[in-house]
Amino acid sequence: MKITQQKLTYLISFLFLLNLVILPSYLLLPKKASPEFYLYFQQQNWLQAFTSAPDDYHRAVVSYQAGDYDLARKFFAKGNNLKNKFNLANSYLRDHQAKAAKQLYQEILIDKPNHQQSLNNLAIAETMLGQANFSLDRLAIRQDLLFSEILEEKNLLEAKINFNQSQ
C-alpha cells in the first residue's frame, strides 16, 4: 500500500511519540539498587543517581535519561543482550545517528524478527536517512497495541518505582 508524504509524516510522528511512551519499559531498572539511587533517579538528580548506581546498566540508564548519549552508549555496549543492544540503538537514534541505529536494529531483527519496537524504530531511522520508500506493512504497527495498554504499563512502572521508594 502506497502512502502520501503527509500520511508518512503523521505516521512517523505517531511512532516517535509512541516510542517515547514505550521506551521507559525497556529502561526499567531492576531492583538491585539502593533506595537512595531510586530517589535520586526519580528526582532527576543525575549526578547523584550516577554515582550511586550499582552497575553499568544502571549507569547507562542514568546517562541516557540525562541526555548524555555518548556515555550511555559506552555502558550499554558492555552488555551482551537484547535489552542493552536495543537501548544502544536507541541512544544512537536519539543522538541523530540514524545510520548506526539502523544497523543495530537490523542486527536485533536477525535474532528476533518480530521485535516490534525494533521494527518501529528501524522505520524511524530509515525516515531520518531519507529512505522512506516503504509501505504501511513495513512499519509493522501492531494493531493490538492500544493506548490503554501503554498507559496500563506506564502505571505499573510508576507503581513499582513508588513501591521501591517506600521500602
Foldseek 3Di string as FASTA:
>chain_A
DDDDPVVLVVVLVVLVVVCVLPVVVLLQDDPPFALVLLVCVVVLVLVVNLVRPPALSSNLSSCVVVVVLVSNLVSLVVDDDDSSLLVNLVSCVVVLNLVVSLVSLVVSCVVPVVPLNSQQVNCSSCVSVVNNPDDPVSNVDDPPDDVVVSVVVVVVSVVVSVVSNVD
